[in-house]
């Protein structure tokens, strides 16, 4: 007889991070029991997840109209979708099951058919199936039910014009905004609609951002009638730490996931291993035009020694897509680099007095002002205030040159900064936006809440500083 001390080690059965609304009743147990009738056994963590996902209120409506979960690979996270679909089909719901890859949606169709058969349901008597690769279908034949499941590979147009009770987004890390626009209204007409999103944290090659934004809104309480659960580490961790494997992989120790399997899959890419096996959600984007390592490599502790007599060069950017205006400064250091710093970013409704105050500071040499929203007004107010700092109104060609030079010198280590959080946030979460007709670029944020104008102001300030002609000292030699 096995004693408790000898019981096999199992992965953590409850999420490391979750947001679940309170409830008193659920259909989750019923769904898990139906799945168990198919010869499979729902794991404890899957049963707990189903209870939360399928919680109902006093009126029988879903407590969570949306629910998302993230679990490292090979733990059986998508099997929860199979359980939910079995219940839906046998309880009169219309379901659309979407996935990023055709093989995934087809595999789900195959699994559900197999589970139905093993649970005692007979094809062509209890249910009917249709197979067209990428457009499979299961219809329920019992009674007058209109229950069905359509399986689709996601696209920006898939499913338009149809109505469902349950929308499933498998491989949710690949769920894009244009796909969401096409799919999110499919359950709007249902009297008790629900949307489920299931996946892993996005990697460098993931196409979608809907899953990421949904998670953030849930965990900050901004998404109503919604729930979230994940198994993850909060920061980059040692992927060889076996204890972390058990903390973040609920199925570890069972028949489908072993320590040996995990050990064999770990490679040289520690970031990818943290995402795929430990469930890490990065706080920066791997798709950023400026990488986190590249940005951090230019960080200095404190303000560096400045070149004697160094002048201050400033950049002002009136944002194109927001109501913000940003101010930044650049100055030469004693070792020949250019130190850049963001001064502030405020809404335009606050006026320009705060900018004028900085431009009036001793040592302010020139300021580049970009943005049709406020360029002319600021330069007029500078003139009225008697500001001696000379304004420069850059052309499109100048902006392109400024951004190109900024990245060249950043990657060459000729720029330094103090690691300001707000500036770092946009620097490692930015992408290029096309400007001009010759391949030029500006910056756009790929992170909700990060302001691209801050980085563009820094680029402008750096451009002025880098292109300024240095005053050479003249040594007088006596005879």
Protein backbone atom coordinates (compact mmCIF):
# COMPACT_ATOMS: atom_id res chain seq x y z
CA UNK A 1 0.00 0.00 0.00
CA UNK A 2 1.38 3.44 -1.00
CA UNK A 3 1.74 5.87 1.89
CA UNK A 4 1.02 9.61 1.44
CA UNK A 5 4.76 10.30 1.57
CA UNK A 6 5.25 8.00 -1.42
CA UNK A 7 2.44 9.47 -3.52
CA UNK A 8 3.63 10.61 -6.96
CA UNK A 9 4.42 14.29 -7.27
CA UNK A 10 1.82 16.26 -9.23
CA UNK A 11 1.73 19.67 -10.78
CA UNK A 12 -0.05 22.53 -9.07
CA UNK A 13 -3.80 22.06 -9.56
CA UNK A 14 -4.88 25.67 -8.99
CA UNK A 15 -3.86 28.67 -11.15
CA UNK A 16 -0.92 30.82 -10.10
CA UNK A 17 -2.88 33.90 -11.27
CA UNK A 18 -6.64 34.15 -11.72
CA UNK A 19 -9.63 36.46 -11.78
CA UNK A 20 -12.89 34.61 -11.21
CA UNK A 21 -16.24 36.14 -10.28
CA UNK A 22 -18.14 34.67 -7.29
CA UNK A 23 -20.85 32.11 -8.02
CA UNK A 24 -23.12 29.62 -6.27
CA UNK A 25 -23.89 27.08 -9.04
CA UNK A 26 -22.13 25.58 -12.06
CA UNK A 27 -22.61 23.09 -14.88
CA UNK A 28 -18.91 22.26 -14.76
CA UNK A 29 -19.26 19.05 -12.77
CA UNK A 30 -21.91 17.78 -15.18
CA UNK A 31 -19.65 18.53 -18.16
CA UNK A 32 -16.66 16.78 -16.56
CA UNK A 33 -18.78 13.71 -15.72
CA UNK A 34 -20.00 13.52 -19.32
CA UNK A 35 -16.39 13.61 -20.50
CA UNK A 36 -15.44 10.85 -18.05
CA UNK A 37 -18.11 8.64 -19.62
CA UNK A 38 -15.99 8.62 -22.79
CA UNK A 39 -13.27 6.58 -21.10
CA UNK A 40 -11.10 9.61 -20.32
CA UNK A 41 -10.69 11.18 -16.89
CA UNK A 42 -10.82 14.92 -16.33
CA UNK A 43 -7.93 15.98 -14.10
CA UNK A 44 -8.61 17.91 -10.91
CA UNK A 45 -7.37 21.18 -12.37
CA UNK A 46 -9.55 20.72 -15.44
CA UNK A 47 -12.59 20.09 -13.27
CA UNK A 48 -11.85 23.24 -11.27
CA UNK A 49 -11.49 25.23 -14.48
CA UNK A 50 -14.77 23.89 -15.85
CA UNK A 51 -16.54 24.87 -12.63
CA UNK A 52 -15.38 28.47 -13.02
CA UNK A 53 -15.98 28.62 -16.76
CA UNK A 54 -19.48 27.14 -16.55
CA UNK A 55 -20.63 29.00 -13.43
CA UNK A 56 -24.21 30.28 -13.64
CA UNK A 57 -26.17 32.92 -11.77
CA UNK A 58 -29.66 32.71 -10.25
CA UNK A 59 -31.23 33.18 -13.70
CA UNK A 60 -29.20 30.38 -15.24
CA UNK A 61 -26.99 32.78 -17.20
CA UNK A 62 -23.23 32.37 -17.48
CA UNK A 63 -21.45 34.32 -14.77
CA UNK A 64 -18.50 34.72 -17.13
CA UNK A 65 -19.64 35.81 -20.58
CA UNK A 66 -15.96 35.62 -21.49
CA UNK A 67 -13.29 33.40 -20.01
CA UNK A 68 -9.66 33.02 -20.99
CA UNK A 69 -6.88 30.77 -19.78
CA UNK A 70 -3.20 30.25 -20.46
CA UNK A 71 -1.35 27.04 -19.65
CA UNK A 72 2.08 25.88 -20.88
CA UNK A 73 2.11 23.44 -23.77
CA UNK A 74 1.15 19.76 -23.57
CA UNK A 75 -0.86 20.10 -20.34
CA UNK A 76 -4.28 19.50 -21.90
CA UNK A 77 -5.63 23.05 -21.86
CA UNK A 78 -7.58 22.50 -25.10
CA UNK A 79 -9.14 19.34 -23.65
CA UNK A 80 -11.26 21.67 -21.51
CA UNK A 81 -12.71 22.99 -24.77
CA UNK A 82 -13.60 19.44 -25.78
CA UNK A 83 -15.42 18.97 -22.46
CA UNK A 84 -17.28 22.23 -22.90
CA UNK A 85 -18.28 21.28 -26.47
CA UNK A 86 -19.64 17.87 -25.42
CA UNK A 87 -21.93 19.56 -22.90
CA UNK A 88 -22.93 22.23 -25.40
CA UNK A 89 -23.86 19.72 -28.08
CA UNK A 90 -25.98 17.62 -25.72
CA UNK A 91 -27.69 20.70 -24.25
CA UNK A 92 -28.91 22.50 -27.36
CA UNK A 93 -26.15 25.08 -27.92
CA UNK A 94 -24.82 26.25 -31.27
CA UNK A 95 -21.02 26.41 -31.21
CA UNK A 96 -18.34 27.75 -33.52
CA UNK A 97 -14.89 26.33 -32.77
CA UNK A 98 -12.09 28.42 -34.32
CA UNK A 99 -8.35 27.84 -34.42
CA UNK A 100 -5.32 29.43 -36.02
CA UNK A 101 -4.34 26.27 -37.88
CA UNK A 102 -6.58 23.95 -39.89
CA UNK A 103 -4.94 20.94 -38.24
CA UNK A 104 -6.03 22.19 -34.81
CA UNK A 105 -9.71 22.66 -35.68
CA UNK A 106 -9.77 19.34 -37.54
CA UNK A 107 -8.16 17.60 -34.57
CA UNK A 108 -10.84 19.03 -32.25
CA UNK A 109 -13.56 17.71 -34.58
CA UNK A 110 -11.95 14.24 -34.55
CA UNK A 111 -11.63 14.23 -30.75
CA UNK A 112 -15.25 15.23 -30.13
CA UNK A 113 -16.55 12.53 -32.46
CA UNK A 114 -14.39 9.93 -30.67
CA UNK A 115 -15.53 11.12 -27.22
CA UNK A 116 -19.19 11.01 -28.27
CA UNK A 117 -18.82 7.46 -29.55
CA UNK A 118 -17.00 6.28 -26.43
CA UNK A 119 -19.71 7.91 -24.27
CA UNK A 120 -22.33 5.73 -25.96
CA UNK A 121 -23.71 8.10 -28.59
CA UNK A 122 -24.21 6.65 -32.08
CA UNK A 123 -23.31 8.44 -35.30
CA UNK A 124 -26.27 8.97 -37.67
CA UNK A 125 -28.61 8.23 -34.77
CA UNK A 126 -27.58 10.70 -32.08
CA UNK A 127 -25.34 12.95 -34.16
CA UNK A 128 -24.23 13.50 -37.71
CA UNK A 129 -20.82 14.62 -38.97
CA UNK A 130 -19.60 16.44 -42.06
CA UNK A 131 -15.96 16.62 -43.09
CA UNK A 132 -14.55 19.32 -45.35
CA UNK A 133 -11.00 20.19 -44.35
CA UNK A 134 -11.11 23.46 -42.42
CA UNK A 135 -14.96 23.48 -42.37
CA UNK A 136 -15.98 20.39 -40.37
CA UNK A 137 -19.36 20.15 -38.67
CA UNK A 138 -21.22 18.06 -36.08
CA UNK A 139 -25.03 18.20 -35.80
CA UNK A 140 -27.08 16.82 -32.90
CA UNK A 141 -30.03 14.70 -34.01
CA UNK A 142 -31.83 14.06 -30.73
CA UNK A 143 -35.27 15.65 -30.32
CA UNK A 144 -35.88 19.03 -31.94
CA UNK A 145 -32.51 20.43 -30.86
CA UNK A 146 -30.67 22.73 -33.26
CA UNK A 147 -27.36 22.07 -31.50
CA UNK A 148 -24.32 21.93 -33.72
CA UNK A 149 -20.60 22.66 -33.77
CA UNK A 150 -18.94 24.29 -36.77
CA UNK A 151 -15.15 24.07 -36.94
CA UNK A 152 -13.31 26.86 -38.73
CA UNK A 153 -9.81 28.13 -39.40
CA UNK A 154 -9.86 31.79 -38.42
CA UNK A 155 -9.80 34.60 -40.94
CA UNK A 156 -10.87 38.22 -40.99
CA UNK A 157 -14.19 37.23 -42.65
CA UNK A 158 -14.92 33.77 -41.25
CA UNK A 159 -18.33 33.27 -39.69
CA UNK A 160 -19.85 36.61 -40.68
CA UNK A 161 -23.65 36.57 -40.75
CA UNK A 162 -24.03 33.48 -38.55
CA UNK A 163 -25.27 33.26 -34.97
CA UNK A 164 -24.01 31.05 -32.13
CA UNK A 165 -24.29 30.53 -28.39
CA UNK A 166 -20.63 29.67 -27.83
CA UNK A 167 -17.57 31.12 -29.58
CA UNK A 168 -14.30 29.24 -29.03
CA UNK A 169 -10.92 30.81 -29.77
CA UNK A 170 -8.28 28.06 -29.62
CA UNK A 171 -4.61 29.05 -30.09
CA UNK A 172 -5.68 32.46 -28.79
CA UNK A 173 -2.14 33.86 -28.84
CA UNK A 174 -2.64 34.11 -32.63
CA UNK A 175 -6.03 35.88 -32.39
CA UNK A 176 -5.75 39.20 -34.25
CA UNK A 177 -7.80 42.38 -34.00
CA UNK A 178 -9.28 42.03 -37.49
CA UNK A 179 -10.35 38.45 -36.70
CA UNK A 180 -11.95 39.66 -33.48
CA UNK A 181 -13.88 42.27 -35.44
CA UNK A 182 -15.29 39.53 -37.66
CA UNK A 183 -16.08 37.04 -34.88
CA UNK A 184 -16.97 38.80 -31.65
CA UNK A 185 -20.55 39.62 -32.65
CA UNK A 186 -21.42 36.00 -33.49
CA UNK A 187 -22.76 35.39 -29.97
CA UNK A 188 -24.30 38.85 -29.53
CA UNK A 189 -27.83 37.68 -30.41
CA UNK A 190 -27.73 34.62 -28.13
CA UNK A 191 -29.78 34.97 -24.93
CA UNK A 192 -26.90 33.32 -23.07
CA UNK A 193 -23.78 33.72 -25.19
CA UNK A 194 -20.26 32.87 -24.08
CA UNK A 195 -16.77 33.34 -25.56
CA UNK A 196 -13.80 31.19 -24.51
CA UNK A 197 -10.14 31.93 -25.31
CA UNK A 198 -7.45 29.36 -24.69
CA UNK A 199 -3.73 29.51 -25.48
CA UNK A 200 -0.20 30.24 -24.34
CA UNK A 201 1.61 33.55 -23.81
CA UNK A 202 2.60 35.12 -27.16
CA UNK A 203 6.10 34.51 -28.50
CA UNK A 204 8.21 36.47 -30.99
CA UNK A 205 6.36 34.83 -33.88
CA UNK A 206 2.82 35.14 -32.50
CA UNK A 207 0.56 37.24 -34.72
CA UNK A 208 -2.17 38.25 -32.30
CA UNK A 209 -2.55 40.81 -29.52
CA UNK A 210 -6.22 40.32 -28.49
CA UNK A 211 -5.34 37.62 -25.94
CA UNK A 212 -2.66 39.82 -24.37
CA UNK A 213 -4.98 42.83 -24.07
CA UNK A 214 -7.85 40.72 -22.71
CA UNK A 215 -5.57 39.31 -20.00
CA UNK A 216 -4.44 42.78 -18.99
CA UNK A 217 -8.00 44.10 -18.79
CA UNK A 218 -9.16 41.12 -16.74
CA UNK A 219 -6.35 41.34 -14.22
CA UNK A 220 -6.86 45.09 -13.81
CA UNK A 221 -10.62 44.74 -13.36
CA UNK A 222 -11.47 46.58 -16.59
CA UNK A 223 -13.24 43.64 -18.29
CA UNK A 224 -16.77 43.07 -16.99
CA UNK A 225 -18.50 39.66 -16.71
CA UNK A 226 -15.19 38.00 -17.52
CA UNK A 227 -12.71 35.58 -16.00
CA UNK A 228 -9.08 34.60 -16.40
CA UNK A 229 -6.73 31.86 -15.18
CA UNK A 230 -3.08 31.07 -15.87
CA UNK A 231 -0.19 28.93 -14.72
CA UNK A 232 2.92 31.10 -14.96
CA UNK A 233 6.07 32.55 -13.44
CA UNK A 234 6.04 36.32 -12.80
CA UNK A 235 9.50 36.97 -14.26
CA UNK A 236 12.31 35.36 -16.24
CA UNK A 237 13.31 32.25 -14.27
CA UNK A 238 15.67 29.30 -14.29
CA UNK A 239 14.10 26.80 -16.69
CA UNK A 240 16.14 24.00 -15.11
CA UNK A 241 14.37 24.50 -11.77
CA UNK A 242 12.20 21.39 -11.43
CA UNK A 243 10.11 22.99 -8.68
CA UNK A 244 9.01 25.65 -11.18
CA UNK A 245 7.97 22.94 -13.62
CA UNK A 246 5.52 21.61 -11.05
CA UNK A 247 4.34 25.11 -10.15
CA UNK A 248 3.43 26.00 -13.74
CA UNK A 249 2.44 22.66 -15.32
CA UNK A 250 -0.71 21.23 -13.73
CA UNK A 251 -0.53 17.93 -15.67
CA UNK A 252 3.10 17.22 -14.76
CA UNK A 253 3.45 13.89 -12.98
CA UNK A 254 0.49 12.40 -14.81
CA UNK A 255 0.51 10.06 -17.79
CA UNK A 256 0.72 12.80 -20.43
CA UNK A 257 3.58 14.98 -19.16
CA UNK A 258 6.75 13.84 -17.40
CA UNK A 259 9.92 15.45 -16.10
CA UNK A 260 11.87 13.53 -18.72
CA UNK A 261 9.77 15.03 -21.53
CA UNK A 262 10.28 18.56 -20.25
CA UNK A 263 14.01 18.06 -19.77
CA UNK A 264 14.41 16.86 -23.36
CA UNK A 265 12.63 19.87 -24.88
CA UNK A 266 14.57 22.67 -23.17
CA UNK A 267 17.01 24.46 -25.47
CA UNK A 268 19.31 27.44 -25.70
CA UNK A 269 16.55 30.04 -26.05
CA UNK A 270 15.79 30.81 -22.41
CA UNK A 271 13.14 33.38 -23.25
CA UNK A 272 11.20 30.93 -25.40
CA UNK A 273 11.56 28.18 -22.78
CA UNK A 274 10.23 30.56 -20.11
CA UNK A 275 7.20 31.34 -22.28
CA UNK A 276 6.43 27.86 -23.56
CA UNK A 277 7.17 25.80 -20.45
CA UNK A 278 6.89 28.21 -17.50
CA UNK A 279 4.05 30.33 -18.90
CA UNK A 280 5.91 33.67 -18.69
CA UNK A 281 4.08 36.76 -19.94
CA UNK A 282 6.74 39.23 -21.05
CA UNK A 283 6.41 42.86 -20.03
CA UNK A 284 8.00 43.89 -23.31
CA UNK A 285 7.31 42.91 -26.91
CA UNK A 286 9.70 40.65 -28.79
CA UNK A 287 8.39 42.27 -31.96
CA UNK A 288 9.59 45.73 -30.95
CA UNK A 289 11.75 47.61 -33.44
CA UNK A 290 14.11 48.22 -30.50
CA UNK A 291 14.88 45.14 -28.43
CA UNK A 292 14.97 45.14 -24.64
CA UNK A 293 18.58 43.94 -24.59
CA UNK A 294 19.60 46.69 -27.01
CA UNK A 295 17.86 49.35 -24.95
CA UNK A 296 19.15 48.10 -21.60
CA UNK A 297 22.71 47.89 -22.96
CA UNK A 298 22.72 51.69 -23.27
CA UNK A 299 21.59 52.34 -19.72
CA UNK A 300 23.84 54.20 -17.31
CA UNK A 301 23.48 54.60 -13.56
CA UNK A 302 22.71 58.20 -12.79
CA UNK A 303 23.52 61.14 -14.97
CA UNK A 304 26.85 60.74 -16.80
CA UNK A 305 29.62 63.35 -16.82
CA UNK A 306 28.82 65.95 -19.46
CA UNK A 307 31.21 67.52 -21.93
CA UNK A 308 32.42 70.90 -20.61
CA UNK A 309 30.25 73.66 -22.02
CA UNK A 310 27.79 71.16 -23.49
CA UNK A 311 24.56 72.69 -24.73
CA UNK A 312 21.07 71.24 -24.36
CA UNK A 313 19.08 70.18 -27.42
CA UNK A 314 15.38 69.50 -27.10
CA UNK A 315 12.65 67.74 -29.03
CA UNK A 316 8.92 68.41 -28.92
CA UNK A 317 6.47 66.00 -30.53
CA UNK A 318 2.75 66.69 -30.80
CA UNK A 319 1.25 63.21 -31.13
CA UNK A 320 -0.72 62.39 -34.27
CA UNK A 321 -3.19 59.86 -32.85
CA UNK A 322 -3.58 61.09 -29.26
CA UNK A 323 -4.01 64.43 -27.49
CA UNK A 324 -0.52 64.26 -25.98
CA UNK A 325 2.62 66.31 -26.44
CA UNK A 326 6.05 65.09 -25.33
CA UNK A 327 9.27 66.92 -24.50
CA UNK A 328 12.77 65.39 -24.41
CA UNK A 329 16.39 66.55 -24.11
CA UNK A 330 19.76 65.41 -25.43
CA UNK A 331 23.28 66.46 -24.45
CA UNK A 332 26.87 65.42 -25.21
CA UNK A 333 28.71 63.43 -22.54
CA UNK A 334 32.38 63.67 -21.66
CA UNK A 335 33.08 60.35 -23.39
CA UNK A 336 31.50 61.48 -26.68
CA UNK A 337 28.14 59.73 -26.40
CA UNK A 338 24.75 61.48 -26.42
CA UNK A 339 22.68 61.25 -23.25
CA UNK A 340 18.91 61.35 -23.88
CA UNK A 341 16.12 61.84 -21.39
CA UNK A 342 12.35 62.25 -21.54
CA UNK A 343 11.24 65.36 -19.66
CA UNK A 344 7.46 64.96 -19.64
CA UNK A 345 4.39 63.98 -21.63
CA UNK A 346 1.14 65.87 -21.06
CA UNK A 347 -2.18 66.47 -22.78
CA UNK A 348 -2.39 69.42 -25.16
CA UNK A 349 -5.26 70.90 -23.17
CA UNK A 350 -2.73 71.82 -20.44
CA UNK A 351 -1.24 74.37 -22.80
CA UNK A 352 2.40 75.06 -23.62
CA UNK A 353 3.51 77.04 -20.56
CA UNK A 354 5.35 74.02 -19.10
CA UNK A 355 7.24 73.54 -22.37
CA UNK A 356 8.13 77.24 -22.55
CA UNK A 357 9.57 77.02 -19.02
CA UNK A 358 11.97 74.23 -20.03
CA UNK A 359 12.95 75.96 -23.27
CA UNK A 360 13.83 79.08 -21.28
CA UNK A 361 16.35 77.21 -19.13
CA UNK A 362 20.03 78.20 -19.30
CA UNK A 363 21.94 76.13 -21.83
CA UNK A 364 18.97 75.35 -24.07
CA UNK A 365 20.39 75.79 -27.57
CA UNK A 366 17.80 74.55 -30.09
CA UNK A 367 14.48 72.71 -30.11
CA UNK A 368 12.98 70.59 -32.90
CA UNK A 369 9.18 70.87 -32.95
CA UNK A 370 7.15 68.34 -34.92
CA UNK A 371 3.41 67.83 -35.24
CA UNK A 372 0.86 69.92 -37.11
CA UNK A 373 -1.43 69.86 -34.07
CA UNK A 374 0.64 72.38 -32.15
CA UNK A 375 3.77 73.33 -34.05
CA UNK A 376 2.76 76.83 -35.14
CA UNK A 377 1.15 77.77 -31.82
CA UNK A 378 4.20 76.74 -29.79
CA UNK A 379 6.65 78.64 -31.98
CA UNK A 380 4.42 81.72 -31.77
CA UNK A 381 4.28 81.48 -27.98
CA UNK A 382 8.07 81.03 -27.85
CA UNK A 383 8.49 84.27 -29.78
CA UNK A 384 6.04 86.15 -27.53
CA UNK A 385 7.84 84.85 -24.42
CA UNK A 386 11.23 85.94 -25.75
CA UNK A 387 12.66 82.41 -25.62
CA UNK A 388 16.24 82.44 -26.89
CA UNK A 389 16.27 78.71 -27.69
CA UNK A 390 16.00 78.54 -31.49
CA UNK A 391 13.09 76.50 -32.93
CA UNK A 392 13.66 74.09 -35.80
CA UNK A 393 10.69 72.83 -37.81
CA UNK A 394 11.84 69.53 -39.32
CA UNK A 395 10.70 68.39 -42.76
CA UNK A 396 9.60 64.83 -43.51
CA UNK A 397 13.11 64.20 -44.84
CA UNK A 398 14.53 65.48 -41.53
CA UNK A 399 12.24 63.21 -39.49
CA UNK A 400 13.31 60.19 -41.51
CA UNK A 401 16.98 61.11 -41.07
CA UNK A 402 16.49 61.69 -37.35
CA UNK A 403 14.89 58.29 -36.68
CA UNK A 404 17.41 56.44 -38.85
CA UNK A 405 20.34 58.13 -37.10
CA UNK A 406 18.80 57.48 -33.69
CA UNK A 407 18.59 53.74 -34.23
CA UNK A 408 22.02 53.53 -35.87
CA UNK A 409 23.70 55.24 -32.94
CA UNK A 410 21.60 53.40 -30.35
CA UNK A 411 22.61 50.01 -31.74
CA UNK A 412 26.23 51.19 -31.98
CA UNK A 413 26.26 52.12 -28.29
CA UNK A 414 26.74 55.83 -28.96
CA UNK A 415 23.60 56.79 -27.02
CA UNK A 416 23.01 56.45 -23.29
CA UNK A 417 20.01 56.94 -21.01
CA UNK A 418 19.10 56.61 -17.31
CA UNK A 419 16.51 53.85 -17.70
CA UNK A 420 13.39 55.98 -17.19
CA UNK A 421 10.42 53.57 -16.89
CA UNK A 422 8.07 55.53 -19.17
CA UNK A 423 10.70 55.88 -21.88
CA UNK A 424 11.76 52.26 -21.57
CA UNK A 425 8.13 51.15 -21.87
CA UNK A 426 7.69 52.68 -25.32
CA UNK A 427 11.25 52.00 -26.49
CA UNK A 428 10.85 48.23 -26.13
CA UNK A 429 7.24 48.23 -27.32
CA UNK A 430 7.43 50.17 -30.56
CA UNK A 431 7.21 49.41 -34.24
CA UNK A 432 8.05 51.36 -37.36
CA UNK A 433 5.33 53.25 -39.19
CA UNK A 434 5.97 54.20 -42.78
CA UNK A 435 6.47 57.89 -43.57
CA UNK A 436 7.49 59.45 -46.85
CA UNK A 437 7.85 57.44 -50.06
CA UNK A 438 11.41 56.16 -49.77
CA UNK A 439 11.19 53.65 -46.95
CA UNK A 440 11.41 56.17 -44.13
CA UNK A 441 9.87 55.45 -40.75
CA UNK A 442 8.49 56.96 -37.59
CA UNK A 443 7.34 55.13 -34.47
CA UNK A 444 4.05 53.64 -33.35
CA UNK A 445 3.21 51.96 -30.04
CA UNK A 446 2.39 48.24 -30.00
CA UNK A 447 1.51 48.35 -26.32
CA UNK A 448 -1.72 49.83 -25.03
CA UNK A 449 -0.94 52.85 -22.86
CA UNK A 450 2.60 53.47 -24.17
CA UNK A 451 2.98 56.84 -25.93
CA UNK A 452 5.07 56.83 -29.12
CA UNK A 453 5.42 60.64 -29.02
CA UNK A 454 7.81 60.25 -26.09
CA UNK A 455 10.26 58.21 -28.17
CA UNK A 456 9.86 60.48 -31.18
CA UNK A 457 10.65 63.53 -29.05
CA UNK A 458 13.82 61.80 -27.86
CA UNK A 459 14.77 61.03 -31.46
CA UNK A 460 14.31 64.70 -32.42
CA UNK A 461 16.43 65.92 -29.51
CA UNK A 462 19.15 63.40 -30.36
CA UNK A 463 19.12 64.48 -34.01
CA UNK A 464 19.74 68.11 -33.13
CA UNK A 465 22.50 67.21 -30.69
CA UNK A 466 24.21 64.79 -33.10
CA UNK A 467 24.12 67.23 -36.01
CA UNK A 468 25.23 70.31 -34.05
CA UNK A 469 28.63 71.67 -34.96
CA UNK A 470 30.89 71.68 -31.96
CA UNK A 471 32.70 74.86 -31.13
CA UNK A 472 36.41 74.22 -31.30
CA UNK A 473 38.62 75.92 -28.77
CA UNK A 474 41.50 77.96 -30.16
CA UNK A 475 44.81 77.84 -28.37
CA UNK A 476 46.86 81.06 -28.56
CA UNK A 477 50.61 80.43 -28.55
CA UNK A 478 52.85 83.24 -27.41
CA UNK A 479 56.21 84.00 -29.04
